[in-house]
Amino acid sequence: LRPEWIAGETGMSVRSLYRMFADKGLVVAQYIRNRRLDFCADAIRHAADDEKLAGIGFHWGFSDQSHFSTVFKQRFGMTPGEYRRKFR
């Protein structure tokens, strides 16, 4: 997900996209990060038992496993590994 793609899909300019988010007190980058984390969570729930969590994070744009684990925990209140165990 990128601001340019979101703007294109919604038929607005990137500037208008940022302005619309700002008017609602939101930040485009935060929205994108949260959506990527939501996709990661969904992938974890549906992953094979032997699928590596770092690979799921990498697939959705988190190139550093430590950072992925940190932001995942901030969003969901548990690490990706804890999330996997809870939803298995």
N, C-alpha and C. Protein backbone atom coordinates (compact mmCIF):
# COMPACT_ATOMS: atom_id res chain seq x y z
N LEU A 1 0.85 -1.19 0.00
CA LEU A 1 0.00 0.00 0.00
C LEU A 1 0.88 1.24 0.00
N ARG A 2 0.54 2.15 -0.86
CA ARG A 2 1.26 3.41 -0.94
C ARG A 2 0.24 4.54 -1.12
N PRO A 3 0.58 5.74 -0.66
CA PRO A 3 -0.36 6.86 -0.81
C PRO A 3 -0.78 7.08 -2.26
N GLU A 4 0.16 6.92 -3.19
CA GLU A 4 -0.15 7.13 -4.60
C GLU A 4 -1.19 6.13 -5.09
N TRP A 5 -1.07 4.88 -4.65
CA TRP A 5 -2.03 3.85 -5.05
C TRP A 5 -3.41 4.15 -4.47
N ILE A 6 -3.45 4.49 -3.18
CA ILE A 6 -4.73 4.79 -2.54
C ILE A 6 -5.41 5.97 -3.23
N ALA A 7 -4.62 7.02 -3.51
CA ALA A 7 -5.17 8.19 -4.18
C ALA A 7 -5.72 7.80 -5.56
N GLY A 8 -4.96 7.03 -6.30
CA GLY A 8 -5.40 6.60 -7.63
C GLY A 8 -6.67 5.77 -7.59
N GLU A 9 -6.75 4.86 -6.63
CA GLU A 9 -7.93 4.00 -6.50
C GLU A 9 -9.17 4.77 -6.08
N THR A 10 -8.98 5.87 -5.38
CA THR A 10 -10.12 6.67 -4.92
C THR A 10 -10.41 7.86 -5.83
N GLY A 11 -9.58 8.03 -6.87
CA GLY A 11 -9.82 9.09 -7.82
C GLY A 11 -9.48 10.48 -7.31
N MET A 12 -8.54 10.57 -6.40
CA MET A 12 -8.14 11.88 -5.90
C MET A 12 -6.64 12.03 -6.01
N SER A 13 -6.18 13.25 -5.86
CA SER A 13 -4.74 13.50 -5.89
C SER A 13 -4.14 13.08 -4.55
N VAL A 14 -2.83 12.87 -4.55
CA VAL A 14 -2.15 12.52 -3.31
C VAL A 14 -2.31 13.64 -2.30
N ARG A 15 -2.21 14.87 -2.76
CA ARG A 15 -2.38 16.02 -1.87
C ARG A 15 -3.77 16.02 -1.22
N SER A 16 -4.79 15.75 -2.02
CA SER A 16 -6.15 15.69 -1.49
C SER A 16 -6.31 14.56 -0.49
N LEU A 17 -5.65 13.44 -0.76
CA LEU A 17 -5.70 12.32 0.17
C LEU A 17 -5.13 12.72 1.53
N TYR A 18 -3.95 13.34 1.52
CA TYR A 18 -3.34 13.78 2.77
C TYR A 18 -4.21 14.80 3.48
N ARG A 19 -4.80 15.72 2.73
CA ARG A 19 -5.66 16.74 3.32
C ARG A 19 -6.91 16.11 3.94
N MET A 20 -7.50 15.14 3.26
CA MET A 20 -8.69 14.47 3.78
C MET A 20 -8.37 13.76 5.10
N PHE A 21 -7.25 13.06 5.14
CA PHE A 21 -6.85 12.38 6.37
C PHE A 21 -6.60 13.39 7.48
N ALA A 22 -5.89 14.46 7.16
CA ALA A 22 -5.57 15.48 8.17
C ALA A 22 -6.85 16.12 8.72
N ASP A 23 -7.83 16.36 7.86
CA ASP A 23 -9.09 16.94 8.30
C ASP A 23 -9.81 16.05 9.31
N LYS A 24 -9.55 14.76 9.24
CA LYS A 24 -10.17 13.81 10.18
C LYS A 24 -9.24 13.47 11.34
N GLY A 25 -8.10 14.17 11.42
CA GLY A 25 -7.15 13.92 12.50
C GLY A 25 -6.36 12.64 12.33
N LEU A 26 -6.24 12.17 11.10
CA LEU A 26 -5.54 10.92 10.82
C LEU A 26 -4.26 11.19 10.03
N VAL A 27 -3.38 10.20 10.01
CA VAL A 27 -2.13 10.28 9.27
C VAL A 27 -2.10 9.13 8.27
N VAL A 28 -1.84 9.45 7.01
CA VAL A 28 -1.84 8.44 5.96
C VAL A 28 -0.88 7.30 6.28
N ALA A 29 0.33 7.63 6.70
CA ALA A 29 1.33 6.60 7.00
C ALA A 29 0.85 5.65 8.09
N GLN A 30 0.19 6.17 9.10
CA GLN A 30 -0.33 5.33 10.19
C GLN A 30 -1.44 4.42 9.67
N TYR A 31 -2.29 4.95 8.83
CA TYR A 31 -3.36 4.15 8.23
C TYR A 31 -2.76 2.99 7.43
N ILE A 32 -1.77 3.30 6.61
CA ILE A 32 -1.13 2.28 5.78
C ILE A 32 -0.47 1.22 6.65
N ARG A 33 0.26 1.64 7.68
CA ARG A 33 0.91 0.68 8.57
C ARG A 33 -0.12 -0.23 9.24
N ASN A 34 -1.21 0.36 9.71
CA ASN A 34 -2.25 -0.44 10.37
C ASN A 34 -2.89 -1.44 9.40
N ARG A 35 -3.12 -1.03 8.17
CA ARG A 35 -3.69 -1.94 7.17
C ARG A 35 -2.73 -3.09 6.89
N ARG A 36 -1.43 -2.78 6.77
CA ARG A 36 -0.44 -3.83 6.54
C ARG A 36 -0.41 -4.79 7.72
N LEU A 37 -0.50 -4.26 8.93
CA LEU A 37 -0.53 -5.12 10.12
C LEU A 37 -1.80 -5.98 10.15
N ASP A 38 -2.92 -5.41 9.72
CA ASP A 38 -4.15 -6.20 9.64
C ASP A 38 -4.00 -7.35 8.64
N PHE A 39 -3.34 -7.08 7.51
CA PHE A 39 -3.08 -8.13 6.52
C PHE A 39 -2.16 -9.19 7.12
N CYS A 40 -1.16 -8.77 7.89
CA CYS A 40 -0.26 -9.72 8.55
C CYS A 40 -1.03 -10.60 9.52
N ALA A 41 -1.89 -10.00 10.32
CA ALA A 41 -2.67 -10.76 11.30
C ALA A 41 -3.53 -11.80 10.59
N ASP A 42 -4.16 -11.41 9.50
CA ASP A 42 -4.98 -12.35 8.74
C ASP A 42 -4.12 -13.48 8.18
N ALA A 43 -2.95 -13.13 7.66
CA ALA A 43 -2.05 -14.15 7.12
C ALA A 43 -1.57 -15.11 8.21
N ILE A 44 -1.31 -14.59 9.41
CA ILE A 44 -0.88 -15.44 10.52
C ILE A 44 -1.98 -16.43 10.89
N ARG A 45 -3.22 -15.96 10.93
CA ARG A 45 -4.34 -16.85 11.27
C ARG A 45 -4.49 -17.99 10.26
N HIS A 46 -4.13 -17.72 9.02
CA HIS A 46 -4.33 -18.71 7.96
C HIS A 46 -3.04 -19.39 7.51
N ALA A 47 -1.95 -19.13 8.18
CA ALA A 47 -0.65 -19.67 7.77
C ALA A 47 -0.50 -21.13 8.15
N ALA A 48 0.32 -21.81 7.40
CA ALA A 48 0.69 -23.19 7.75
C ALA A 48 1.52 -23.15 9.02
N ASP A 49 1.48 -24.24 9.77
CA ASP A 49 2.20 -24.30 11.05
C ASP A 49 3.69 -24.02 10.90
N ASP A 50 4.28 -24.41 9.78
CA ASP A 50 5.72 -24.22 9.60
C ASP A 50 6.09 -22.91 8.89
N GLU A 51 5.10 -22.08 8.58
CA GLU A 51 5.39 -20.80 7.92
C GLU A 51 6.03 -19.84 8.91
N LYS A 52 7.11 -19.22 8.50
CA LYS A 52 7.84 -18.31 9.38
C LYS A 52 7.12 -16.97 9.50
N LEU A 53 7.01 -16.49 10.72
CA LEU A 53 6.34 -15.21 10.98
C LEU A 53 7.11 -14.06 10.33
N ALA A 54 8.43 -14.14 10.36
CA ALA A 54 9.23 -13.08 9.73
C ALA A 54 8.93 -13.00 8.24
N GLY A 55 8.68 -14.15 7.61
CA GLY A 55 8.34 -14.16 6.19
C GLY A 55 7.01 -13.48 5.91
N ILE A 56 6.07 -13.66 6.81
CA ILE A 56 4.78 -12.98 6.67
C ILE A 56 4.97 -11.48 6.78
N GLY A 57 5.72 -11.06 7.80
CA GLY A 57 6.00 -9.64 7.96
C GLY A 57 6.72 -9.06 6.75
N PHE A 58 7.71 -9.79 6.26
CA PHE A 58 8.47 -9.34 5.09
C PHE A 58 7.56 -9.20 3.88
N HIS A 59 6.67 -10.15 3.69
CA HIS A 59 5.74 -10.11 2.55
C HIS A 59 4.92 -8.82 2.56
N TRP A 60 4.57 -8.34 3.75
CA TRP A 60 3.75 -7.13 3.86
C TRP A 60 4.58 -5.88 4.12
N GLY A 61 5.90 -5.94 3.84
CA GLY A 61 6.72 -4.73 3.85
C GLY A 61 7.49 -4.45 5.11
N PHE A 62 7.53 -5.38 6.04
CA PHE A 62 8.31 -5.19 7.27
C PHE A 62 9.63 -5.94 7.11
N SER A 63 10.68 -5.23 6.73
CA SER A 63 11.95 -5.89 6.42
C SER A 63 12.75 -6.26 7.66
N ASP A 64 12.41 -5.69 8.80
CA ASP A 64 13.13 -5.97 10.04
C ASP A 64 12.20 -6.73 10.99
N GLN A 65 12.59 -7.93 11.38
CA GLN A 65 11.74 -8.78 12.22
C GLN A 65 11.45 -8.14 13.57
N SER A 66 12.46 -7.49 14.16
CA SER A 66 12.28 -6.86 15.47
C SER A 66 11.25 -5.73 15.38
N HIS A 67 11.37 -4.91 14.35
CA HIS A 67 10.42 -3.80 14.16
C HIS A 67 9.01 -4.36 13.93
N PHE A 68 8.91 -5.40 13.11
CA PHE A 68 7.61 -6.03 12.85
C PHE A 68 6.98 -6.50 14.16
N SER A 69 7.75 -7.18 14.98
CA SER A 69 7.23 -7.68 16.25
C SER A 69 6.78 -6.54 17.16
N THR A 70 7.58 -5.47 17.20
CA THR A 70 7.26 -4.32 18.05
C THR A 70 5.96 -3.64 17.62
N VAL A 71 5.83 -3.32 16.33
CA VAL A 71 4.62 -2.62 15.88
C VAL A 71 3.40 -3.53 15.90
N PHE A 72 3.60 -4.82 15.68
CA PHE A 72 2.50 -5.77 15.78
C PHE A 72 1.97 -5.79 17.21
N LYS A 73 2.88 -5.82 18.17
CA LYS A 73 2.46 -5.83 19.58
C LYS A 73 1.75 -4.53 19.95
N GLN A 74 2.22 -3.40 19.43
CA GLN A 74 1.56 -2.13 19.70
C GLN A 74 0.12 -2.16 19.18
N ARG A 75 -0.09 -2.76 18.03
CA ARG A 75 -1.43 -2.77 17.41
C ARG A 75 -2.36 -3.80 18.05
N PHE A 76 -1.84 -5.00 18.35
CA PHE A 76 -2.69 -6.10 18.78
C PHE A 76 -2.50 -6.51 20.24
N GLY A 77 -1.54 -5.91 20.93
CA GLY A 77 -1.34 -6.22 22.34
C GLY A 77 -0.62 -7.53 22.60
N MET A 78 -0.06 -8.12 21.55
CA MET A 78 0.70 -9.37 21.70
C MET A 78 1.65 -9.49 20.51
N THR A 79 2.69 -10.27 20.68
CA THR A 79 3.64 -10.48 19.60
C THR A 79 3.01 -11.35 18.51
N PRO A 80 3.60 -11.38 17.32
CA PRO A 80 3.08 -12.26 16.29
C PRO A 80 3.03 -13.73 16.73
N GLY A 81 4.03 -14.18 17.47
CA GLY A 81 4.03 -15.56 17.96
C GLY A 81 2.90 -15.83 18.94
N GLU A 82 2.67 -14.89 19.85
CA GLU A 82 1.56 -15.03 20.79
C GLU A 82 0.22 -15.03 20.05
N TYR A 83 0.13 -14.16 19.04
CA TYR A 83 -1.09 -14.07 18.23
C TYR A 83 -1.36 -15.40 17.53
N ARG A 84 -0.30 -15.99 16.96
CA ARG A 84 -0.44 -17.28 16.29
C ARG A 84 -0.95 -18.35 17.25
N ARG A 85 -0.35 -18.39 18.44
CA ARG A 85 -0.77 -19.40 19.43
C ARG A 85 -2.22 -19.18 19.88
N LYS A 86 -2.61 -17.93 20.02
CA LYS A 86 -3.97 -17.62 20.49
C LYS A 86 -5.02 -18.01 19.46
N PHE A 87 -4.73 -17.81 18.19
CA PHE A 87 -5.74 -18.02 17.15
C PHE A 87 -5.56 -19.33 16.39
N ARG A 88 -4.85 -20.26 16.98
CA ARG A 88 -4.69 -21.60 16.38
C ARG A 88 -5.70 -22.53 16.96
